[in-house]
Amino acid sequence: MSRDVVTTDAFVLRTVDYGESHVIVTLLARDLGKVSAIARSARRSKRRFGGSLLPLRGLRATLSFRPNRDLAELDDALVARDFAGIEGSFEKIMVASYATELVRAHLRDGDPANDALELLEDFYGRLSDCDDGRAMLRTVLHHFELGLLRSAGAAPSLGACARCGMRVESMDRVRCSRDGDGLVCQDCVRPGERWGVIDERTLAALAYIERPHGRPPDAVADDEVAAQVRRVLDASLQRIVDSELRSRAMLDEVLRG
């Protein structure tokens, strides 16, 4: 039977044991998107794949595709990049695990996903290099979430009304839609729409999270501001992920300290 063989850059999104010795691997692969593949005898032979099937590592993977088969075959995988700064921190592992699960839940098999792959690689690098204080972990994670939302066309508007474009400086109060649109002015609030008022400190924190350069504002380290930032982003994330993520509860514990 003929087969197509592709060698590509990839990240492991999930592994599931299959049978006595095989592993089903979900990969995020360049030019292929999210792909499920079987790694035969992966649990029986440590030499074949080594530590390449662990999460949080960049791979150079060789995949075989056969007609009329749902699963590809993972023929070979080598670690091309690791992120040592994550592996030594429980807090960073939890943050990275959540982000990885978020990507897996958002993408469908075969969808174009090079943007998501680049975002995930950048996120792992930032997370590996940063300190493990809660404020920094939140900033790195939320920056990634905003990037993923932008790539999906679902990012909240944070500087102007999402519907008419009125700048935030001209609003009587800064209202934020709880349906994920972001800021909405008084004239654009829809009948029955749920919204909340956010303050200047939260806006400052969101602006820094979106473009994290220079010294962060003090608001970034404020737990009340962090809770409001989390609600703003969650409202938009519900547009691209409709299931509850298993890693979310542990993430919230870590980021609350």
C-alpha atoms as a PDB file:
ATOM      1  CA  MET A   1       0.000   0.000   0.000  1.00  0.00           C
ATOM      2  CA  SER A   2       1.390   3.438  -0.942  1.00  0.00           C
ATOM      3  CA  ARG A   3       2.101   6.010   1.716  1.00  0.00           C
ATOM      4  CA  ASP A   4       3.146   9.662   1.963  1.00  0.00           C
ATOM      5  CA  VAL A   5       6.057  10.430   4.264  1.00  0.00           C
ATOM      6  CA  VAL A   6       6.491  13.902   5.767  1.00  0.00           C
ATOM      7  CA  THR A   7       9.244  15.214   8.046  1.00  0.00           C
ATOM      8  CA  THR A   8       8.245  18.331   9.933  1.00  0.00           C
ATOM      9  CA  ASP A   9       8.641  20.444  13.079  1.00  0.00           C
ATOM     10  CA  ALA A  10       6.092  19.605  15.757  1.00  0.00           C
ATOM     11  CA  PHE A  11       5.055  19.813  19.397  1.00  0.00           C
ATOM     12  CA  VAL A  12       3.384  17.068  21.415  1.00  0.00           C
ATOM     13  CA  LEU A  13      -0.069  18.129  22.573  1.00  0.00           C
ATOM     14  CA  ARG A  14      -1.087  14.835  24.212  1.00  0.00           C
ATOM     15  CA  THR A  15      -0.132  11.173  24.504  1.00  0.00           C
ATOM     16  CA  VAL A  16      -2.440   8.245  25.298  1.00  0.00           C
ATOM     17  CA  ASP A  17      -1.307   4.656  25.863  1.00  0.00           C
ATOM     18  CA  TYR A  18      -2.734   2.225  23.322  1.00  0.00           C
ATOM     19  CA  GLY A  19      -2.601  -1.546  23.641  1.00  0.00           C
ATOM     20  CA  GLU A  20       0.326  -3.169  25.397  1.00  0.00           C
ATOM     21  CA  SER A  21       3.121  -1.091  23.921  1.00  0.00           C
ATOM     22  CA  HIS A  22       1.881   1.597  21.534  1.00  0.00           C
ATOM     23  CA  VAL A  23       1.157   5.298  22.136  1.00  0.00           C
ATOM     24  CA  ILE A  24      -1.319   7.560  20.351  1.00  0.00           C
ATOM     25  CA  VAL A  25       0.322  10.968  19.992  1.00  0.00           C
ATOM     26  CA  THR A  26      -1.478  14.208  19.177  1.00  0.00           C
ATOM     27  CA  LEU A  27       0.951  16.571  17.461  1.00  0.00           C
ATOM     28  CA  LEU A  28       0.848  20.180  16.377  1.00  0.00           C
ATOM     29  CA  ALA A  29       2.906  19.981  13.178  1.00  0.00           C
ATOM     30  CA  ARG A  30       4.053  22.655  10.773  1.00  0.00           C
ATOM     31  CA  ASP A  31       1.968  22.746   7.564  1.00  0.00           C
ATOM     32  CA  LEU A  32      -0.111  19.804   8.840  1.00  0.00           C
ATOM     33  CA  GLY A  33      -1.896  21.300  11.841  1.00  0.00           C
ATOM     34  CA  LYS A  34      -3.167  19.016  14.582  1.00  0.00           C
ATOM     35  CA  VAL A  35      -2.412  15.395  13.704  1.00  0.00           C
ATOM     36  CA  SER A  36      -3.023  12.135  15.560  1.00  0.00           C
ATOM     37  CA  ALA A  37      -0.438   9.403  14.999  1.00  0.00           C
ATOM     38  CA  ILE A  38       0.410   6.011  16.420  1.00  0.00           C
ATOM     39  CA  ALA A  39       3.914   5.493  17.774  1.00  0.00           C
ATOM     40  CA  ARG A  40       4.293   1.736  17.574  1.00  0.00           C
ATOM     41  CA  SER A  41       6.176  -0.014  20.402  1.00  0.00           C
ATOM     42  CA  ALA A  42       6.973   3.363  21.944  1.00  0.00           C
ATOM     43  CA  ARG A  43       6.569   2.019  25.483  1.00  0.00           C
ATOM     44  CA  ARG A  44       8.488  -1.181  24.778  1.00  0.00           C
ATOM     45  CA  SER A  45      11.591   0.344  23.186  1.00  0.00           C
ATOM     46  CA  LYS A  46      13.047   3.366  24.947  1.00  0.00           C
ATOM     47  CA  ARG A  47      15.738   3.750  22.314  1.00  0.00           C
ATOM     48  CA  ARG A  48      13.316   4.283  19.427  1.00  0.00           C
ATOM     49  CA  PHE A  49      11.797   7.559  20.611  1.00  0.00           C
ATOM     50  CA  GLY A  50      13.773   8.282  23.782  1.00  0.00           C
ATOM     51  CA  GLY A  51      12.300  11.277  25.567  1.00  0.00           C
ATOM     52  CA  SER A  52      10.897  12.849  22.416  1.00  0.00           C
ATOM     53  CA  LEU A  53       7.271  11.998  23.192  1.00  0.00           C
ATOM     54  CA  LEU A  54       7.228  14.056  26.356  1.00  0.00           C
ATOM     55  CA  PRO A  55       5.362  17.388  26.213  1.00  0.00           C
ATOM     56  CA  LEU A  56       7.041  20.826  26.161  1.00  0.00           C
ATOM     57  CA  ARG A  57       9.705  19.866  23.639  1.00  0.00           C
ATOM     58  CA  GLY A  58      10.137  20.825  20.017  1.00  0.00           C
ATOM     59  CA  LEU A  59      10.464  17.813  17.726  1.00  0.00           C
ATOM     60  CA  ARG A  60      11.649  16.927  14.282  1.00  0.00           C
ATOM     61  CA  ALA A  61       9.083  14.266  13.460  1.00  0.00           C
ATOM     62  CA  THR A  62       8.673  11.897  10.512  1.00  0.00           C
ATOM     63  CA  LEU A  63       5.089  10.841   9.803  1.00  0.00           C
ATOM     64  CA  SER A  64       3.626   8.341   7.354  1.00  0.00           C
ATOM     65  CA  PHE A  65       0.132   8.754   5.933  1.00  0.00           C
ATOM     66  CA  ARG A  66      -1.725   5.871   4.265  1.00  0.00           C
ATOM     67  CA  PRO A  67      -4.975   6.195   2.301  1.00  0.00           C
ATOM     68  CA  ASN A  68      -8.213   5.555   4.190  1.00  0.00           C
ATOM     69  CA  ARG A  69      -6.568   5.476   7.631  1.00  0.00           C
ATOM     70  CA  ASP A  70      -7.546   7.897  10.362  1.00  0.00           C
ATOM     71  CA  LEU A  71      -4.211   7.672  12.159  1.00  0.00           C
ATOM     72  CA  ALA A  72      -0.838   8.572  10.738  1.00  0.00           C
ATOM     73  CA  GLU A  73       2.197   6.586  11.866  1.00  0.00           C
ATOM     74  CA  LEU A  74       5.000   8.285  13.769  1.00  0.00           C
ATOM     75  CA  ASP A  75       8.095   6.706  12.275  1.00  0.00           C
ATOM     76  CA  ASP A  76      10.724   8.813  14.015  1.00  0.00           C
ATOM     77  CA  ALA A  77      11.000  11.774  16.380  1.00  0.00           C
ATOM     78  CA  LEU A  78      14.041  13.657  17.608  1.00  0.00           C
ATOM     79  CA  VAL A  79      14.161  16.446  20.175  1.00  0.00           C
ATOM     80  CA  ALA A  80      15.086  19.625  18.294  1.00  0.00           C
ATOM     81  CA  ARG A  81      14.556  22.071  21.153  1.00  0.00           C
ATOM     82  CA  ASP A  82      13.883  21.746  24.840  1.00  0.00           C
ATOM     83  CA  PHE A  83      12.850  24.342  27.398  1.00  0.00           C
ATOM     84  CA  ALA A  84      14.873  23.548  30.492  1.00  0.00           C
ATOM     85  CA  GLY A  85      13.589  26.554  32.394  1.00  0.00           C
ATOM     86  CA  ILE A  86      10.105  25.042  32.446  1.00  0.00           C
ATOM     87  CA  GLU A  87      10.980  21.518  33.516  1.00  0.00           C
ATOM     88  CA  GLY A  88      12.474  22.575  36.850  1.00  0.00           C
ATOM     89  CA  SER A  89       9.433  24.536  38.045  1.00  0.00           C
ATOM     90  CA  PHE A  90       6.109  22.968  39.067  1.00  0.00           C
ATOM     91  CA  GLU A  91       4.353  26.311  38.558  1.00  0.00           C
ATOM     92  CA  LYS A  92       5.700  26.696  35.032  1.00  0.00           C
ATOM     93  CA  ILE A  93       4.793  23.122  34.149  1.00  0.00           C
ATOM     94  CA  MET A  94       1.194  23.774  35.210  1.00  0.00           C
ATOM     95  CA  VAL A  95       1.019  27.004  33.192  1.00  0.00           C
ATOM     96  CA  ALA A  96       2.536  25.307  30.141  1.00  0.00           C
ATOM     97  CA  SER A  97       0.221  22.301  30.482  1.00  0.00           C
ATOM     98  CA  TYR A  98      -2.820  24.565  30.448  1.00  0.00           C
ATOM     99  CA  ALA A  99      -1.633  26.468  27.372  1.00  0.00           C
ATOM    100  CA  THR A 100      -0.900  23.194  25.570  1.00  0.00           C
ATOM    101  CA  GLU A 101      -4.339  21.824  26.399  1.00  0.00           C
ATOM    102  CA  LEU A 102      -5.916  25.108  25.287  1.00  0.00           C
ATOM    103  CA  VAL A 103      -4.301  24.779  21.852  1.00  0.00           C
ATOM    104  CA  ARG A 104      -5.378  21.144  21.528  1.00  0.00           C
ATOM    105  CA  ALA A 105      -8.978  21.946  22.494  1.00  0.00           C
ATOM    106  CA  HIS A 106      -9.138  24.899  20.106  1.00  0.00           C
ATOM    107  CA  LEU A 107      -7.769  23.270  16.948  1.00  0.00           C
ATOM    108  CA  ARG A 108      -9.491  20.741  14.742  1.00  0.00           C
ATOM    109  CA  ASP A 109      -7.582  17.997  12.975  1.00  0.00           C
ATOM    110  CA  GLY A 110      -5.985  19.218   9.777  1.00  0.00           C
ATOM    111  CA  ASP A 111      -6.873  22.904  10.222  1.00  0.00           C
ATOM    112  CA  PRO A 112      -4.103  25.370   9.232  1.00  0.00           C
ATOM    113  CA  ALA A 113      -2.202  25.959  12.446  1.00  0.00           C
ATOM    114  CA  ASN A 114       1.213  27.465  11.722  1.00  0.00           C
ATOM    115  CA  ASP A 115       0.248  30.590  13.696  1.00  0.00           C
ATOM    116  CA  ALA A 116      -0.625  28.449  16.709  1.00  0.00           C
ATOM    117  CA  LEU A 117       2.656  26.547  16.400  1.00  0.00           C
ATOM    118  CA  GLU A 118       4.674  29.782  16.332  1.00  0.00           C
ATOM    119  CA  LEU A 119       2.694  31.154  19.269  1.00  0.00           C
ATOM    120  CA  LEU A 120       3.255  28.010  21.296  1.00  0.00           C
ATOM    121  CA  GLU A 121       6.987  27.980  20.579  1.00  0.00           C
ATOM    122  CA  ASP A 122       7.298  31.651  21.548  1.00  0.00           C
ATOM    123  CA  PHE A 123       5.259  31.010  24.702  1.00  0.00           C
ATOM    124  CA  TYR A 124       7.417  28.070  25.801  1.00  0.00           C
ATOM    125  CA  GLY A 125      10.521  30.189  25.254  1.00  0.00           C
ATOM    126  CA  ARG A 126       9.191  33.159  27.242  1.00  0.00           C
ATOM    127  CA  LEU A 127       7.993  30.889  30.029  1.00  0.00           C
ATOM    128  CA  SER A 128      11.321  29.069  30.184  1.00  0.00           C
ATOM    129  CA  ASP A 129      13.263  32.328  30.495  1.00  0.00           C
ATOM    130  CA  CYS A 130      11.050  34.226  32.963  1.00  0.00           C
ATOM    131  CA  ASP A 131      11.049  34.053  36.750  1.00  0.00           C
ATOM    132  CA  ASP A 132       8.325  32.039  38.468  1.00  0.00           C
ATOM    133  CA  GLY A 133       6.581  34.858  40.306  1.00  0.00           C
ATOM    134  CA  ARG A 134       2.817  34.836  39.905  1.00  0.00           C
ATOM    135  CA  ALA A 135       2.649  38.244  38.201  1.00  0.00           C
ATOM    136  CA  MET A 136       5.185  37.216  35.557  1.00  0.00           C
ATOM    137  CA  LEU A 137       3.553  33.826  34.974  1.00  0.00           C
ATOM    138  CA  ARG A 138       0.182  35.493  34.483  1.00  0.00           C
ATOM    139  CA  THR A 139       1.652  38.047  32.083  1.00  0.00           C
ATOM    140  CA  VAL A 140       3.362  35.429  29.916  1.00  0.00           C
ATOM    141  CA  LEU A 141       0.259  33.220  29.851  1.00  0.00           C
ATOM    142  CA  HIS A 142      -2.202  36.018  29.104  1.00  0.00           C
ATOM    143  CA  HIS A 143       0.049  37.355  26.326  1.00  0.00           C
ATOM    144  CA  PHE A 144      -0.122  33.913  24.744  1.00  0.00           C
ATOM    145  CA  GLU A 145      -3.898  33.708  25.164  1.00  0.00           C
ATOM    146  CA  LEU A 146      -4.355  37.077  23.460  1.00  0.00           C
ATOM    147  CA  GLY A 147      -2.147  35.925  20.592  1.00  0.00           C
ATOM    148  CA  LEU A 148      -4.192  32.755  20.178  1.00  0.00           C
ATOM    149  CA  LEU A 149      -7.411  34.776  20.238  1.00  0.00           C
ATOM    150  CA  ARG A 150      -6.062  37.148  17.576  1.00  0.00           C
ATOM    151  CA  SER A 151      -5.068  34.267  15.331  1.00  0.00           C
ATOM    152  CA  ALA A 152      -8.630  32.913  15.653  1.00  0.00           C
ATOM    153  CA  GLY A 153     -10.221  36.306  14.984  1.00  0.00           C
ATOM    154  CA  ALA A 154     -11.741  36.372  18.470  1.00  0.00           C
ATOM    155  CA  ALA A 155      -9.540  38.838  20.390  1.00  0.00           C
ATOM    156  CA  PRO A 156     -11.384  41.343  22.606  1.00  0.00           C
ATOM    157  CA  SER A 157     -11.171  45.020  21.720  1.00  0.00           C
ATOM    158  CA  LEU A 158      -9.115  46.631  24.492  1.00  0.00           C
ATOM    159  CA  GLY A 159      -8.575  50.219  23.328  1.00  0.00           C
ATOM    160  CA  ALA A 160     -11.867  51.190  21.710  1.00  0.00           C
ATOM    161  CA  CYS A 161     -15.488  50.147  21.398  1.00  0.00           C
ATOM    162  CA  ALA A 162     -15.661  46.855  19.544  1.00  0.00           C
ATOM    163  CA  ARG A 163     -18.677  48.047  17.541  1.00  0.00           C
ATOM    164  CA  CYS A 164     -18.302  51.740  16.709  1.00  0.00           C
ATOM    165  CA  GLY A 165     -14.616  52.366  17.377  1.00  0.00           C
ATOM    166  CA  MET A 166     -15.050  55.048  20.030  1.00  0.00           C
ATOM    167  CA  ARG A 167     -11.747  55.399  21.851  1.00  0.00           C
ATOM    168  CA  VAL A 168     -11.683  54.457  25.503  1.00  0.00           C
ATOM    169  CA  GLU A 169     -10.684  58.020  26.453  1.00  0.00           C
ATOM    170  CA  SER A 170     -14.079  59.266  25.228  1.00  0.00           C
ATOM    171  CA  MET A 171     -16.200  56.760  27.171  1.00  0.00           C
ATOM    172  CA  ASP A 172     -18.167  57.888  30.241  1.00  0.00           C
ATOM    173  CA  ARG A 173     -17.443  54.513  31.841  1.00  0.00           C
ATOM    174  CA  VAL A 174     -15.321  51.666  30.541  1.00  0.00           C
ATOM    175  CA  ARG A 175     -17.728  48.834  29.924  1.00  0.00           C
ATOM    176  CA  CYS A 176     -16.596  45.370  28.916  1.00  0.00           C
ATOM    177  CA  SER A 177     -18.936  42.874  27.297  1.00  0.00           C
ATOM    178  CA  ARG A 178     -19.201  39.539  29.053  1.00  0.00           C
ATOM    179  CA  ASP A 179     -19.857  37.917  25.684  1.00  0.00           C
ATOM    180  CA  GLY A 180     -16.230  38.299  24.631  1.00  0.00           C
ATOM    181  CA  ASP A 181     -16.285  41.403  22.397  1.00  0.00           C
ATOM    182  CA  GLY A 182     -14.178  43.481  24.785  1.00  0.00           C
ATOM    183  CA  LEU A 183     -14.953  47.174  25.342  1.00  0.00           C
ATOM    184  CA  VAL A 184     -18.351  48.568  24.362  1.00  0.00           C
ATOM    185  CA  CYS A 185     -19.552  52.142  24.701  1.00  0.00           C
ATOM    186  CA  GLN A 186     -22.886  53.115  26.214  1.00  0.00           C
ATOM    187  CA  ASP A 187     -24.551  53.614  22.818  1.00  0.00           C
ATOM    188  CA  CYS A 188     -23.465  50.173  21.575  1.00  0.00           C
ATOM    189  CA  VAL A 189     -24.593  48.088  24.531  1.00  0.00           C
ATOM    190  CA  ARG A 190     -27.275  45.729  23.248  1.00  0.00           C
ATOM    191  CA  PRO A 191     -30.573  45.210  25.083  1.00  0.00           C
ATOM    192  CA  GLY A 192     -30.109  42.506  27.695  1.00  0.00           C
ATOM    193  CA  GLU A 193     -26.363  42.282  27.085  1.00  0.00           C
ATOM    194  CA  ARG A 194     -24.221  41.408  30.086  1.00  0.00           C
ATOM    195  CA  TRP A 195     -21.334  43.758  30.791  1.00  0.00           C
ATOM    196  CA  GLY A 196     -19.147  44.973  33.630  1.00  0.00           C
ATOM    197  CA  VAL A 197     -17.169  48.115  34.377  1.00  0.00           C
ATOM    198  CA  ILE A 198     -13.389  47.818  34.400  1.00  0.00           C
ATOM    199  CA  ASP A 199     -11.079  50.399  35.926  1.00  0.00           C
ATOM    200  CA  GLU A 200      -7.963  52.195  34.703  1.00  0.00           C
ATOM    201  CA  ARG A 201      -5.615  49.788  36.464  1.00  0.00           C
ATOM    202  CA  THR A 202      -7.100  46.827  34.634  1.00  0.00           C
ATOM    203  CA  LEU A 203      -6.814  48.669  31.309  1.00  0.00           C
ATOM    204  CA  ALA A 204      -3.161  49.425  32.089  1.00  0.00           C
ATOM    205  CA  ALA A 205      -2.502  45.769  32.934  1.00  0.00           C
ATOM    206  CA  LEU A 206      -4.212  44.573  29.734  1.00  0.00           C
ATOM    207  CA  ALA A 207      -2.232  47.060  27.624  1.00  0.00           C
ATOM    208  CA  TYR A 208       1.029  45.797  29.088  1.00  0.00           C
ATOM    209  CA  ILE A 209       0.028  42.142  28.704  1.00  0.00           C
ATOM    210  CA  GLU A 210      -0.779  42.765  25.042  1.00  0.00           C
ATOM    211  CA  ARG A 211       2.643  44.397  24.434  1.00  0.00           C
ATOM    212  CA  PRO A 212       4.935  43.452  27.344  1.00  0.00           C
ATOM    213  CA  HIS A 213       7.881  45.804  26.955  1.00  0.00           C
ATOM    214  CA  GLY A 214       9.659  47.829  29.616  1.00  0.00           C
ATOM    215  CA  ARG A 215       8.741  48.006  33.273  1.00  0.00           C
ATOM    216  CA  PRO A 216       5.271  46.561  33.992  1.00  0.00           C
ATOM    217  CA  PRO A 217       2.709  48.782  35.740  1.00  0.00           C
ATOM    218  CA  ASP A 218       2.121  48.043  39.406  1.00  0.00           C
ATOM    219  CA  ALA A 219      -1.399  46.885  38.539  1.00  0.00           C
ATOM    220  CA  VAL A 220       0.010  43.722  36.939  1.00  0.00           C
ATOM    221  CA  ALA A 221       0.925  42.406  40.392  1.00  0.00           C
ATOM    222  CA  ASP A 222      -2.464  43.251  41.951  1.00  0.00           C
ATOM    223  CA  ASP A 223      -4.615  40.173  42.579  1.00  0.00           C
ATOM    224  CA  GLU A 224      -7.922  42.037  42.137  1.00  0.00           C
ATOM    225  CA  VAL A 225      -6.773  43.405  38.794  1.00  0.00           C
ATOM    226  CA  ALA A 226      -5.559  39.924  37.827  1.00  0.00           C
ATOM    227  CA  ALA A 227      -9.006  38.486  38.564  1.00  0.00           C
ATOM    228  CA  GLN A 228     -10.652  41.087  36.321  1.00  0.00           C
ATOM    229  CA  VAL A 229      -8.127  40.474  33.536  1.00  0.00           C
ATOM    230  CA  ARG A 230      -8.883  36.757  33.821  1.00  0.00           C
ATOM    231  CA  ARG A 231     -12.628  37.391  33.422  1.00  0.00           C
ATOM    232  CA  VAL A 232     -12.078  39.578  30.337  1.00  0.00           C
ATOM    233  CA  LEU A 233      -9.967  36.918  28.626  1.00  0.00           C
ATOM    234  CA  ASP A 234     -12.174  34.017  29.671  1.00  0.00           C
ATOM    235  CA  ALA A 235     -15.184  35.673  28.027  1.00  0.00           C
ATOM    236  CA  SER A 236     -13.316  35.674  24.705  1.00  0.00           C
ATOM    237  CA  LEU A 237     -11.740  32.238  25.138  1.00  0.00           C
ATOM    238  CA  GLN A 238     -15.210  30.726  25.436  1.00  0.00           C
ATOM    239  CA  ARG A 239     -15.663  31.638  21.773  1.00  0.00           C
ATOM    240  CA  ILE A 240     -12.868  29.333  20.627  1.00  0.00           C
ATOM    241  CA  VAL A 241     -13.038  26.547  23.246  1.00  0.00           C
ATOM    242  CA  ASP A 242     -16.413  25.183  24.277  1.00  0.00           C
ATOM    243  CA  SER A 243     -15.235  22.503  26.717  1.00  0.00           C
ATOM    244  CA  GLU A 244     -13.834  22.709  30.229  1.00  0.00           C
ATOM    245  CA  LEU A 245     -10.073  22.143  30.353  1.00  0.00           C
ATOM    246  CA  ARG A 246      -8.874  19.568  32.866  1.00  0.00           C
ATOM    247  CA  SER A 247      -5.763  21.602  33.694  1.00  0.00           C
ATOM    248  CA  ARG A 248      -7.688  24.774  34.503  1.00  0.00           C
ATOM    249  CA  ALA A 249      -8.396  24.058  38.182  1.00  0.00           C
ATOM    250  CA  MET A 250      -4.734  23.411  38.957  1.00  0.00           C
ATOM    251  CA  LEU A 251      -3.716  26.475  36.953  1.00  0.00           C
ATOM    252  CA  ASP A 252      -6.007  28.683  39.011  1.00  0.00           C
ATOM    253  CA  GLU A 253      -4.523  27.288  42.236  1.00  0.00           C
ATOM    254  CA  VAL A 254      -1.003  28.008  41.019  1.00  0.00           C
ATOM    255  CA  LEU A 255      -1.751  31.553  39.906  1.00  0.00           C
ATOM    256  CA  ARG A 256      -3.577  32.359  43.117  1.00  0.00           C
ATOM    257  CA  GLY A 257      -0.606  31.080  45.130  1.00  0.00           C
END
